[in-house]
């Protein structure tokens, strides 16, 4: 199992200037905020479980010249699993998904998710037609992850098996719903 925050920090440190990041609900949002602080190229979902994958797909389709990385958890992705089928059908080459799979719903008390009971999100993504889907279980595989997520043709999905950690919440410094989307829209469309 990998430590989640250093993994997310390493992936975001390799981001190209035009790269956009979307964080799913809960721990993924806190991890992204811990890694990048107040970066206008990041959008954090707070209070909308299951909506990060459809949002990232729409963003990738609307901004085909920009790389879009979705950082999300296993619980959040399981909530909107049908989005993987749509991602596979639409096949945006600029979309990458990093699933931080700790096999629990960490935000609500560490109840096991379906991945703790055999659901293989990489196999599901491959079955939905994503170009490349794989599991990352150790440091050797994790070292290649930033390059793959930011530069390989997508759509692709990497499932990083991460430790079950209780980490401090790191809220995005300038988060309010309307202000956050307006700021992100300006960064995504090059208006900043």
N, C-alpha and C. Protein backbone atom coordinates (compact mmCIF):
# COMPACT_ATOMS: atom_id res chain seq x y z
N UNK A 1 0.84 -1.19 0.00
CA UNK A 1 0.00 0.00 0.00
C UNK A 1 0.88 1.25 0.00
N UNK A 2 0.44 2.26 -0.73
CA UNK A 2 1.20 3.50 -0.89
C UNK A 2 0.65 4.60 0.02
N UNK A 3 1.50 5.50 0.50
CA UNK A 3 0.99 6.67 1.22
C UNK A 3 0.38 7.65 0.21
N UNK A 4 -0.84 8.06 0.45
CA UNK A 4 -1.60 8.81 -0.55
C UNK A 4 -1.08 10.22 -0.79
N UNK A 5 -0.80 10.98 0.24
CA UNK A 5 -0.41 12.38 0.03
C UNK A 5 0.91 12.53 -0.73
N UNK A 6 1.97 11.76 -0.40
CA UNK A 6 3.19 11.87 -1.21
C UNK A 6 2.96 11.45 -2.66
N UNK A 7 2.09 10.46 -2.89
CA UNK A 7 1.78 10.04 -4.25
C UNK A 7 1.10 11.16 -5.03
N UNK A 8 0.10 11.77 -4.44
CA UNK A 8 -0.61 12.87 -5.10
C UNK A 8 0.33 14.04 -5.34
N UNK A 9 1.17 14.35 -4.37
CA UNK A 9 2.13 15.45 -4.53
C UNK A 9 3.08 15.17 -5.68
N UNK A 10 3.57 13.95 -5.81
CA UNK A 10 4.48 13.60 -6.90
C UNK A 10 3.79 13.72 -8.25
N UNK A 11 2.54 13.28 -8.34
CA UNK A 11 1.80 13.36 -9.60
C UNK A 11 1.57 14.83 -9.97
N UNK A 12 1.16 15.66 -9.03
CA UNK A 12 0.89 17.06 -9.33
C UNK A 12 2.16 17.86 -9.59
N UNK A 13 3.28 17.44 -9.04
CA UNK A 13 4.55 18.13 -9.30
C UNK A 13 4.97 17.98 -10.76
N UNK A 14 4.48 16.95 -11.42
CA UNK A 14 4.82 16.71 -12.83
C UNK A 14 3.82 17.34 -13.79
N UNK A 15 2.85 18.06 -13.30
CA UNK A 15 1.80 18.64 -14.13
C UNK A 15 2.38 19.64 -15.13
N UNK A 16 1.98 19.53 -16.40
CA UNK A 16 2.37 20.56 -17.37
C UNK A 16 1.61 21.86 -17.07
N UNK A 17 2.10 22.96 -17.57
CA UNK A 17 1.50 24.26 -17.29
C UNK A 17 0.01 24.28 -17.65
N UNK A 18 -0.37 23.65 -18.75
CA UNK A 18 -1.76 23.68 -19.19
C UNK A 18 -2.62 22.60 -18.54
N UNK A 19 -2.04 21.77 -17.67
CA UNK A 19 -2.78 20.67 -17.06
C UNK A 19 -3.82 21.13 -16.05
N UNK A 20 -5.00 20.53 -16.12
CA UNK A 20 -6.10 20.82 -15.21
C UNK A 20 -6.32 19.61 -14.31
N UNK A 21 -6.66 19.84 -13.05
CA UNK A 21 -6.91 18.74 -12.12
C UNK A 21 -8.28 18.91 -11.47
N UNK A 22 -8.99 17.81 -11.38
CA UNK A 22 -10.29 17.77 -10.72
C UNK A 22 -10.17 16.76 -9.59
N UNK A 23 -10.60 17.13 -8.39
CA UNK A 23 -10.55 16.23 -7.25
C UNK A 23 -11.94 15.80 -6.87
N UNK A 24 -12.11 14.49 -6.70
CA UNK A 24 -13.38 13.95 -6.24
C UNK A 24 -13.63 14.31 -4.79
N UNK A 25 -14.81 14.00 -4.34
CA UNK A 25 -15.27 14.30 -3.00
C UNK A 25 -14.38 13.69 -1.92
N UNK A 26 -14.21 14.39 -0.84
CA UNK A 26 -13.56 13.83 0.34
C UNK A 26 -12.05 13.87 0.31
N UNK A 27 -11.43 12.76 0.67
CA UNK A 27 -9.99 12.70 0.83
C UNK A 27 -9.23 13.15 -0.41
N UNK A 28 -9.72 12.85 -1.59
CA UNK A 28 -9.03 13.29 -2.81
C UNK A 28 -8.96 14.81 -2.88
N UNK A 29 -10.02 15.48 -2.47
CA UNK A 29 -10.02 16.96 -2.47
C UNK A 29 -9.02 17.49 -1.46
N UNK A 30 -8.95 16.86 -0.28
CA UNK A 30 -8.00 17.31 0.74
C UNK A 30 -6.56 17.03 0.27
N UNK A 31 -6.36 15.87 -0.40
CA UNK A 31 -5.03 15.52 -0.90
C UNK A 31 -4.56 16.50 -1.97
N UNK A 32 -5.45 16.87 -2.87
CA UNK A 32 -5.08 17.83 -3.93
C UNK A 32 -4.77 19.20 -3.32
N UNK A 33 -5.57 19.63 -2.37
CA UNK A 33 -5.31 20.91 -1.72
C UNK A 33 -3.98 20.88 -0.96
N UNK A 34 -3.67 19.76 -0.33
CA UNK A 34 -2.39 19.63 0.39
C UNK A 34 -1.22 19.68 -0.59
N UNK A 35 -1.41 19.14 -1.79
CA UNK A 35 -0.32 19.08 -2.78
C UNK A 35 -0.10 20.39 -3.50
N UNK A 36 -1.18 21.12 -3.81
CA UNK A 36 -1.03 22.28 -4.68
C UNK A 36 -1.45 23.60 -4.05
N UNK A 37 -2.05 23.56 -2.88
CA UNK A 37 -2.47 24.80 -2.24
C UNK A 37 -3.62 25.44 -2.98
N UNK A 38 -3.42 26.65 -3.44
CA UNK A 38 -4.48 27.45 -4.03
C UNK A 38 -4.27 27.64 -5.53
N UNK A 39 -4.15 26.55 -6.26
CA UNK A 39 -3.89 26.61 -7.69
C UNK A 39 -5.20 26.76 -8.45
N UNK A 40 -5.33 27.79 -9.25
CA UNK A 40 -6.57 28.05 -10.00
C UNK A 40 -6.87 26.96 -11.02
N UNK A 41 -5.90 26.12 -11.35
CA UNK A 41 -6.11 25.03 -12.31
C UNK A 41 -6.73 23.79 -11.67
N UNK A 42 -7.07 23.88 -10.39
CA UNK A 42 -7.66 22.75 -9.66
C UNK A 42 -9.12 23.05 -9.34
N UNK A 43 -9.95 22.01 -9.45
CA UNK A 43 -11.32 22.12 -8.98
C UNK A 43 -11.58 20.99 -7.99
N UNK A 44 -12.06 21.32 -6.82
CA UNK A 44 -12.31 20.36 -5.74
C UNK A 44 -13.81 20.17 -5.56
N UNK A 45 -14.25 18.91 -5.65
CA UNK A 45 -15.65 18.62 -5.38
C UNK A 45 -15.84 18.48 -3.88
N UNK A 46 -16.79 19.20 -3.35
CA UNK A 46 -17.15 19.11 -1.95
C UNK A 46 -18.67 19.03 -1.89
N UNK A 47 -19.18 17.88 -1.47
CA UNK A 47 -20.62 17.73 -1.32
C UNK A 47 -21.34 17.22 -2.55
N UNK A 48 -20.65 16.59 -3.48
CA UNK A 48 -21.32 16.10 -4.70
C UNK A 48 -20.75 14.73 -5.07
N UNK A 49 -21.02 13.74 -4.23
CA UNK A 49 -20.44 12.41 -4.43
C UNK A 49 -20.90 11.79 -5.74
N UNK A 50 -19.93 11.28 -6.51
CA UNK A 50 -20.22 10.63 -7.77
C UNK A 50 -20.21 11.55 -8.98
N UNK A 51 -19.97 12.83 -8.77
CA UNK A 51 -20.06 13.79 -9.87
C UNK A 51 -18.72 14.19 -10.47
N UNK A 52 -17.61 13.80 -9.87
CA UNK A 52 -16.30 14.24 -10.36
C UNK A 52 -15.96 13.63 -11.72
N UNK A 53 -16.26 12.35 -11.94
CA UNK A 53 -15.93 11.73 -13.23
C UNK A 53 -16.72 12.34 -14.38
N UNK A 54 -18.04 12.53 -14.26
CA UNK A 54 -18.76 13.20 -15.34
C UNK A 54 -18.25 14.62 -15.60
N UNK A 55 -17.92 15.34 -14.54
CA UNK A 55 -17.40 16.70 -14.68
C UNK A 55 -16.07 16.68 -15.43
N UNK A 56 -15.16 15.78 -15.02
CA UNK A 56 -13.85 15.68 -15.68
C UNK A 56 -14.01 15.28 -17.15
N UNK A 57 -14.93 14.40 -17.44
CA UNK A 57 -15.19 14.02 -18.83
C UNK A 57 -15.67 15.22 -19.63
N UNK A 58 -16.64 15.95 -19.12
CA UNK A 58 -17.13 17.13 -19.82
C UNK A 58 -16.04 18.16 -20.04
N UNK A 59 -15.20 18.34 -19.05
CA UNK A 59 -14.09 19.27 -19.15
C UNK A 59 -13.11 18.82 -20.24
N UNK A 60 -12.78 17.53 -20.26
CA UNK A 60 -11.85 17.01 -21.27
C UNK A 60 -12.43 17.18 -22.68
N UNK A 61 -13.72 16.97 -22.84
CA UNK A 61 -14.34 17.14 -24.15
C UNK A 61 -14.40 18.61 -24.55
N UNK A 62 -14.63 19.49 -23.59
CA UNK A 62 -14.72 20.93 -23.88
C UNK A 62 -13.35 21.57 -24.11
N UNK A 63 -12.30 20.99 -23.55
CA UNK A 63 -10.95 21.54 -23.64
C UNK A 63 -9.99 20.47 -24.19
N UNK A 64 -10.18 20.02 -25.43
CA UNK A 64 -9.41 18.90 -25.96
C UNK A 64 -7.91 19.16 -26.06
N UNK A 65 -7.49 20.42 -26.05
CA UNK A 65 -6.07 20.74 -26.14
C UNK A 65 -5.38 20.73 -24.78
N UNK A 66 -6.15 20.55 -23.70
CA UNK A 66 -5.59 20.56 -22.35
C UNK A 66 -5.73 19.19 -21.71
N UNK A 67 -4.71 18.78 -20.98
CA UNK A 67 -4.76 17.51 -20.25
C UNK A 67 -5.61 17.71 -19.00
N UNK A 68 -6.50 16.75 -18.74
CA UNK A 68 -7.36 16.76 -17.57
C UNK A 68 -7.06 15.52 -16.74
N UNK A 69 -6.75 15.75 -15.47
CA UNK A 69 -6.51 14.65 -14.54
C UNK A 69 -7.59 14.67 -13.48
N UNK A 70 -8.29 13.56 -13.33
CA UNK A 70 -9.23 13.37 -12.24
C UNK A 70 -8.53 12.58 -11.14
N UNK A 71 -8.49 13.13 -9.95
CA UNK A 71 -7.98 12.43 -8.77
C UNK A 71 -9.19 12.16 -7.90
N UNK A 72 -9.49 10.89 -7.67
CA UNK A 72 -10.70 10.54 -6.93
C UNK A 72 -10.47 9.29 -6.10
N UNK A 73 -11.40 9.02 -5.21
CA UNK A 73 -11.31 7.82 -4.39
C UNK A 73 -12.18 6.70 -4.93
N UNK A 74 -11.94 5.52 -4.40
CA UNK A 74 -12.72 4.36 -4.83
C UNK A 74 -14.20 4.53 -4.51
N UNK A 75 -14.52 5.05 -3.33
CA UNK A 75 -15.93 5.23 -2.96
C UNK A 75 -16.64 6.22 -3.86
N UNK A 76 -15.97 7.33 -4.14
CA UNK A 76 -16.57 8.36 -4.98
C UNK A 76 -16.78 7.84 -6.42
N UNK A 77 -15.80 7.11 -6.95
CA UNK A 77 -15.95 6.58 -8.31
C UNK A 77 -17.02 5.49 -8.36
N UNK A 78 -17.09 4.66 -7.33
CA UNK A 78 -18.12 3.62 -7.30
C UNK A 78 -19.52 4.22 -7.32
N UNK A 79 -19.69 5.40 -6.75
CA UNK A 79 -21.00 6.06 -6.71
C UNK A 79 -21.49 6.41 -8.12
N UNK A 80 -20.56 6.70 -9.03
CA UNK A 80 -20.93 7.07 -10.39
C UNK A 80 -20.26 6.18 -11.41
N UNK A 81 -20.28 4.87 -11.18
CA UNK A 81 -19.54 3.92 -12.01
C UNK A 81 -19.93 3.98 -13.49
N UNK A 82 -21.16 4.34 -13.77
CA UNK A 82 -21.59 4.45 -15.16
C UNK A 82 -20.81 5.47 -15.96
N UNK A 83 -20.19 6.41 -15.28
CA UNK A 83 -19.39 7.42 -15.99
C UNK A 83 -18.23 6.77 -16.73
N UNK A 84 -17.71 5.66 -16.21
CA UNK A 84 -16.61 4.99 -16.92
C UNK A 84 -17.04 4.49 -18.30
N UNK A 85 -18.27 4.02 -18.41
CA UNK A 85 -18.78 3.57 -19.71
C UNK A 85 -18.86 4.75 -20.68
N UNK A 86 -19.30 5.90 -20.19
CA UNK A 86 -19.38 7.08 -21.05
C UNK A 86 -18.00 7.58 -21.41
N UNK A 87 -17.06 7.55 -20.47
CA UNK A 87 -15.68 7.93 -20.77
C UNK A 87 -15.13 7.01 -21.86
N UNK A 88 -15.35 5.71 -21.73
CA UNK A 88 -14.87 4.77 -22.75
C UNK A 88 -15.51 5.02 -24.10
N UNK A 89 -16.80 5.32 -24.12
CA UNK A 89 -17.50 5.57 -25.38
C UNK A 89 -17.05 6.86 -26.04
N UNK A 90 -16.82 7.90 -25.24
CA UNK A 90 -16.39 9.20 -25.79
C UNK A 90 -14.90 9.23 -26.11
N UNK A 91 -14.12 8.45 -25.38
CA UNK A 91 -12.68 8.26 -25.62
C UNK A 91 -11.86 9.54 -25.74
N UNK A 92 -11.96 10.46 -24.77
CA UNK A 92 -11.11 11.66 -24.86
C UNK A 92 -9.65 11.30 -24.60
N UNK A 93 -8.80 11.60 -25.55
CA UNK A 93 -7.37 11.25 -25.43
C UNK A 93 -6.67 12.07 -24.37
N UNK A 94 -7.28 13.15 -23.91
CA UNK A 94 -6.65 14.05 -22.94
C UNK A 94 -7.11 13.82 -21.50
N UNK A 95 -7.80 12.71 -21.23
CA UNK A 95 -8.33 12.45 -19.89
C UNK A 95 -7.60 11.30 -19.22
N UNK A 96 -7.15 11.55 -17.99
CA UNK A 96 -6.54 10.52 -17.15
C UNK A 96 -7.24 10.52 -15.80
N UNK A 97 -7.37 9.34 -15.21
CA UNK A 97 -8.03 9.19 -13.92
C UNK A 97 -7.08 8.48 -12.97
N UNK A 98 -6.87 9.07 -11.81
CA UNK A 98 -6.11 8.43 -10.73
C UNK A 98 -7.09 8.13 -9.61
N UNK A 99 -7.28 6.84 -9.34
CA UNK A 99 -8.16 6.41 -8.26
C UNK A 99 -7.30 6.07 -7.05
N UNK A 100 -7.54 6.75 -5.95
CA UNK A 100 -6.85 6.47 -4.69
C UNK A 100 -7.71 5.47 -3.94
N UNK A 101 -7.35 4.19 -4.03
CA UNK A 101 -8.19 3.10 -3.53
C UNK A 101 -7.67 2.60 -2.18
N UNK A 102 -8.34 3.05 -1.11
CA UNK A 102 -8.02 2.55 0.22
C UNK A 102 -9.02 1.51 0.70
N UNK A 103 -9.95 1.15 -0.17
CA UNK A 103 -10.95 0.11 0.06
C UNK A 103 -11.94 0.43 1.18
N UNK A 104 -12.06 1.72 1.54
CA UNK A 104 -13.03 2.12 2.57
C UNK A 104 -13.64 3.47 2.22
N UNK A 105 -14.80 3.73 2.80
CA UNK A 105 -15.41 5.06 2.76
C UNK A 105 -14.84 5.82 3.97
N UNK A 106 -13.70 6.45 3.77
CA UNK A 106 -12.98 7.08 4.88
C UNK A 106 -13.76 8.21 5.52
N UNK A 107 -14.52 8.95 4.73
CA UNK A 107 -15.21 10.14 5.26
C UNK A 107 -16.37 9.80 6.18
N UNK A 108 -16.89 8.58 6.11
CA UNK A 108 -18.09 8.25 6.89
C UNK A 108 -17.87 7.15 7.91
N UNK A 109 -16.61 6.79 8.19
CA UNK A 109 -16.36 5.81 9.24
C UNK A 109 -15.60 4.57 8.83
N UNK A 110 -14.99 4.58 7.68
CA UNK A 110 -14.15 3.46 7.21
C UNK A 110 -14.92 2.16 6.95
N UNK A 111 -16.15 2.29 6.47
CA UNK A 111 -16.87 1.10 6.04
C UNK A 111 -16.21 0.58 4.76
N UNK A 112 -16.14 -0.74 4.57
CA UNK A 112 -15.51 -1.28 3.35
C UNK A 112 -16.28 -0.89 2.09
N UNK A 113 -15.54 -0.57 1.02
CA UNK A 113 -16.17 -0.36 -0.28
C UNK A 113 -16.18 -1.69 -1.02
N UNK A 114 -16.75 -1.69 -2.20
CA UNK A 114 -16.79 -2.91 -3.01
C UNK A 114 -15.39 -3.37 -3.42
N UNK A 115 -14.42 -2.45 -3.47
CA UNK A 115 -13.07 -2.87 -3.85
C UNK A 115 -12.43 -3.73 -2.76
N UNK A 116 -12.89 -3.62 -1.53
CA UNK A 116 -12.41 -4.48 -0.45
C UNK A 116 -12.96 -5.89 -0.57
N UNK A 117 -13.98 -6.02 -1.41
CA UNK A 117 -14.66 -7.31 -1.57
C UNK A 117 -14.53 -7.86 -2.99
N UNK A 118 -13.49 -7.40 -3.70
CA UNK A 118 -13.20 -8.02 -4.98
C UNK A 118 -13.47 -7.20 -6.22
N UNK A 119 -14.14 -6.07 -6.13
CA UNK A 119 -14.36 -5.26 -7.33
C UNK A 119 -13.03 -4.68 -7.79
N UNK A 120 -12.72 -4.88 -9.04
CA UNK A 120 -11.45 -4.43 -9.63
C UNK A 120 -11.75 -3.26 -10.56
N UNK A 121 -11.49 -2.03 -10.08
CA UNK A 121 -11.83 -0.85 -10.87
C UNK A 121 -11.02 -0.77 -12.17
N UNK A 122 -9.80 -1.26 -12.19
CA UNK A 122 -9.02 -1.27 -13.43
C UNK A 122 -9.68 -2.20 -14.45
N UNK A 123 -10.15 -3.35 -14.02
CA UNK A 123 -10.83 -4.28 -14.93
C UNK A 123 -12.15 -3.69 -15.42
N UNK A 124 -12.87 -3.01 -14.54
CA UNK A 124 -14.12 -2.35 -14.95
C UNK A 124 -13.82 -1.30 -16.02
N UNK A 125 -12.78 -0.47 -15.77
CA UNK A 125 -12.43 0.57 -16.75
C UNK A 125 -12.03 -0.04 -18.09
N UNK A 126 -11.25 -1.10 -18.05
CA UNK A 126 -10.85 -1.78 -19.30
C UNK A 126 -12.08 -2.33 -20.01
N UNK A 127 -13.00 -2.88 -19.26
CA UNK A 127 -14.24 -3.40 -19.84
C UNK A 127 -15.12 -2.31 -20.42
N UNK A 128 -14.95 -1.09 -19.93
CA UNK A 128 -15.71 0.05 -20.44
C UNK A 128 -15.02 0.69 -21.64
N UNK A 129 -13.87 0.18 -22.03
CA UNK A 129 -13.22 0.67 -23.24
C UNK A 129 -12.15 1.72 -23.04
N UNK A 130 -11.72 1.98 -21.80
CA UNK A 130 -10.62 2.92 -21.61
C UNK A 130 -9.36 2.33 -22.24
N UNK A 131 -8.58 3.17 -22.85
CA UNK A 131 -7.40 2.75 -23.61
C UNK A 131 -6.43 1.95 -22.76
N UNK A 132 -6.21 2.40 -21.54
CA UNK A 132 -5.24 1.76 -20.66
C UNK A 132 -5.76 1.86 -19.23
N UNK A 133 -5.77 0.76 -18.49
CA UNK A 133 -6.20 0.75 -17.10
C UNK A 133 -5.34 -0.25 -16.34
N UNK A 134 -4.82 0.19 -15.20
CA UNK A 134 -3.91 -0.69 -14.45
C UNK A 134 -3.94 -0.35 -12.98
N UNK A 135 -3.42 -1.28 -12.17
CA UNK A 135 -3.30 -1.08 -10.73
C UNK A 135 -1.85 -0.74 -10.39
N UNK A 136 -1.70 0.13 -9.42
CA UNK A 136 -0.38 0.53 -8.93
C UNK A 136 -0.31 0.11 -7.48
N UNK A 137 0.62 -0.79 -7.18
CA UNK A 137 0.66 -1.35 -5.83
C UNK A 137 1.94 -1.04 -5.07
N UNK A 138 3.01 -0.63 -5.73
CA UNK A 138 4.26 -0.42 -5.02
C UNK A 138 5.01 0.80 -5.53
N UNK A 139 6.08 1.12 -4.84
CA UNK A 139 6.88 2.30 -5.16
C UNK A 139 7.43 2.27 -6.58
N UNK A 140 7.86 1.09 -7.06
CA UNK A 140 8.41 1.01 -8.42
C UNK A 140 7.38 1.43 -9.45
N UNK A 141 6.17 0.93 -9.32
CA UNK A 141 5.10 1.31 -10.25
C UNK A 141 4.71 2.77 -10.05
N UNK A 142 4.75 3.25 -8.82
CA UNK A 142 4.34 4.62 -8.53
C UNK A 142 5.29 5.64 -9.16
N UNK A 143 6.56 5.30 -9.31
CA UNK A 143 7.51 6.25 -9.90
C UNK A 143 7.16 6.60 -11.34
N UNK A 144 6.58 5.68 -12.08
CA UNK A 144 6.23 5.92 -13.48
C UNK A 144 4.86 6.60 -13.62
N UNK A 145 4.12 6.68 -12.54
CA UNK A 145 2.75 7.19 -12.60
C UNK A 145 2.62 8.64 -13.07
N UNK A 146 3.42 9.59 -12.56
CA UNK A 146 3.23 10.97 -13.03
C UNK A 146 3.39 11.13 -14.54
N UNK A 147 4.41 10.53 -15.10
CA UNK A 147 4.64 10.61 -16.55
C UNK A 147 3.46 10.00 -17.31
N UNK A 148 3.00 8.84 -16.87
CA UNK A 148 1.88 8.18 -17.55
C UNK A 148 0.61 9.01 -17.50
N UNK A 149 0.27 9.51 -16.32
CA UNK A 149 -0.98 10.25 -16.16
C UNK A 149 -1.01 11.56 -16.94
N UNK A 150 0.12 12.23 -17.04
CA UNK A 150 0.13 13.53 -17.71
C UNK A 150 0.46 13.45 -19.19
N UNK A 151 1.03 12.33 -19.67
CA UNK A 151 1.51 12.34 -21.06
C UNK A 151 1.02 11.21 -21.96
N UNK A 152 0.61 10.08 -21.41
CA UNK A 152 0.13 8.99 -22.26
C UNK A 152 -1.26 9.32 -22.82
N UNK A 153 -1.53 8.84 -24.02
CA UNK A 153 -2.84 9.05 -24.62
C UNK A 153 -3.91 8.33 -23.81
N UNK A 154 -4.99 9.00 -23.58
CA UNK A 154 -6.09 8.43 -22.82
C UNK A 154 -7.25 8.05 -23.71
N UNK A 155 -8.35 7.74 -23.12
CA UNK A 155 -8.56 7.83 -21.69
C UNK A 155 -7.86 6.68 -20.96
N UNK A 156 -7.32 7.01 -19.80
CA UNK A 156 -6.64 5.98 -19.02
C UNK A 156 -7.01 6.12 -17.56
N UNK A 157 -6.81 5.03 -16.83
CA UNK A 157 -7.16 4.99 -15.42
C UNK A 157 -6.12 4.18 -14.68
N UNK A 158 -5.59 4.74 -13.61
CA UNK A 158 -4.67 4.03 -12.72
C UNK A 158 -5.31 3.93 -11.35
N UNK A 159 -5.33 2.74 -10.81
CA UNK A 159 -5.87 2.51 -9.46
C UNK A 159 -4.68 2.33 -8.53
N UNK A 160 -4.42 3.34 -7.71
CA UNK A 160 -3.33 3.26 -6.75
C UNK A 160 -3.88 2.71 -5.43
N UNK A 161 -3.35 1.60 -5.01
CA UNK A 161 -3.75 1.01 -3.74
C UNK A 161 -3.02 1.78 -2.64
N UNK A 162 -3.78 2.56 -1.87
CA UNK A 162 -3.19 3.44 -0.86
C UNK A 162 -3.56 2.98 0.55
N UNK A 163 -2.74 3.44 1.48
CA UNK A 163 -2.95 3.10 2.89
C UNK A 163 -4.25 3.71 3.40
N UNK A 164 -4.82 3.04 4.40
CA UNK A 164 -5.98 3.60 5.10
C UNK A 164 -5.44 4.52 6.18
N UNK A 165 -5.38 5.79 5.85
CA UNK A 165 -4.82 6.77 6.76
C UNK A 165 -5.88 7.78 7.16
N UNK A 166 -5.80 8.26 8.38
CA UNK A 166 -6.61 9.39 8.79
C UNK A 166 -5.68 10.59 8.82
N UNK A 167 -5.84 11.46 7.84
CA UNK A 167 -4.95 12.59 7.66
C UNK A 167 -5.70 13.89 7.96
N UNK A 168 -4.98 14.95 8.29
CA UNK A 168 -5.64 16.23 8.52
C UNK A 168 -6.36 16.71 7.26
N UNK A 169 -7.51 17.30 7.46
CA UNK A 169 -8.25 17.88 6.34
C UNK A 169 -7.54 19.15 5.90
N UNK A 170 -7.31 19.27 4.59
CA UNK A 170 -6.70 20.47 4.03
C UNK A 170 -7.70 21.04 3.02
N UNK A 171 -8.41 22.06 3.44
CA UNK A 171 -9.41 22.65 2.57
C UNK A 171 -8.76 23.57 1.55
N UNK A 172 -9.31 23.63 0.34
CA UNK A 172 -8.82 24.60 -0.63
C UNK A 172 -8.93 25.99 -0.02
N UNK A 173 -7.88 26.80 -0.09
CA UNK A 173 -7.88 28.10 0.57
C UNK A 173 -8.98 29.05 0.12
N UNK A 174 -9.35 29.01 -1.13
CA UNK A 174 -10.34 29.99 -1.61
C UNK A 174 -11.57 29.28 -2.13
N UNK A 175 -12.17 28.42 -1.30
CA UNK A 175 -13.31 27.67 -1.79
C UNK A 175 -14.63 28.25 -1.33
N UNK A 176 -15.39 28.68 -2.28
CA UNK A 176 -16.81 28.92 -2.13
C UNK A 176 -17.38 28.51 -3.48
N UNK A 177 -18.54 27.91 -3.48
CA UNK A 177 -19.07 27.29 -4.70
C UNK A 177 -18.99 28.13 -5.96
N UNK A 178 -19.61 29.27 -5.98
CA UNK A 178 -19.64 30.11 -7.17
C UNK A 178 -18.25 30.65 -7.49
N UNK A 179 -17.56 31.16 -6.49
CA UNK A 179 -16.21 31.68 -6.71
C UNK A 179 -15.26 30.62 -7.23
N UNK A 180 -15.38 29.39 -6.71
CA UNK A 180 -14.50 28.31 -7.14
C UNK A 180 -14.71 27.95 -8.61
N UNK A 181 -15.96 27.82 -9.02
CA UNK A 181 -16.21 27.45 -10.42
C UNK A 181 -15.86 28.59 -11.36
N UNK A 182 -16.13 29.82 -10.97
CA UNK A 182 -15.77 30.96 -11.82
C UNK A 182 -14.25 31.04 -12.00
N UNK A 183 -13.53 30.88 -10.92
CA UNK A 183 -12.07 30.93 -10.97
C UNK A 183 -11.51 29.79 -11.83
N UNK A 184 -12.05 28.58 -11.62
CA UNK A 184 -11.58 27.43 -12.39
C UNK A 184 -11.93 27.59 -13.87
N UNK A 185 -13.12 28.08 -14.19
CA UNK A 185 -13.52 28.30 -15.58
C UNK A 185 -12.56 29.26 -16.26
N UNK A 186 -12.19 30.33 -15.58
CA UNK A 186 -11.25 31.30 -16.14
C UNK A 186 -9.89 30.65 -16.40
N UNK A 187 -9.42 29.82 -15.47
CA UNK A 187 -8.13 29.14 -15.67
C UNK A 187 -8.22 28.12 -16.78
N UNK A 188 -9.32 27.40 -16.86
CA UNK A 188 -9.48 26.35 -17.87
C UNK A 188 -9.61 26.93 -19.29
N UNK A 189 -10.15 28.12 -19.38
CA UNK A 189 -10.34 28.72 -20.70
C UNK A 189 -9.28 29.75 -21.05
N UNK A 190 -8.26 29.87 -20.19
CA UNK A 190 -7.15 30.77 -20.47
C UNK A 190 -7.46 32.22 -20.26
N UNK A 191 -8.46 32.52 -19.43
CA UNK A 191 -8.85 33.91 -19.19
C UNK A 191 -8.19 34.52 -17.96
N UNK A 192 -7.26 33.78 -17.34
CA UNK A 192 -6.59 34.34 -16.15
C UNK A 192 -5.23 34.87 -16.50
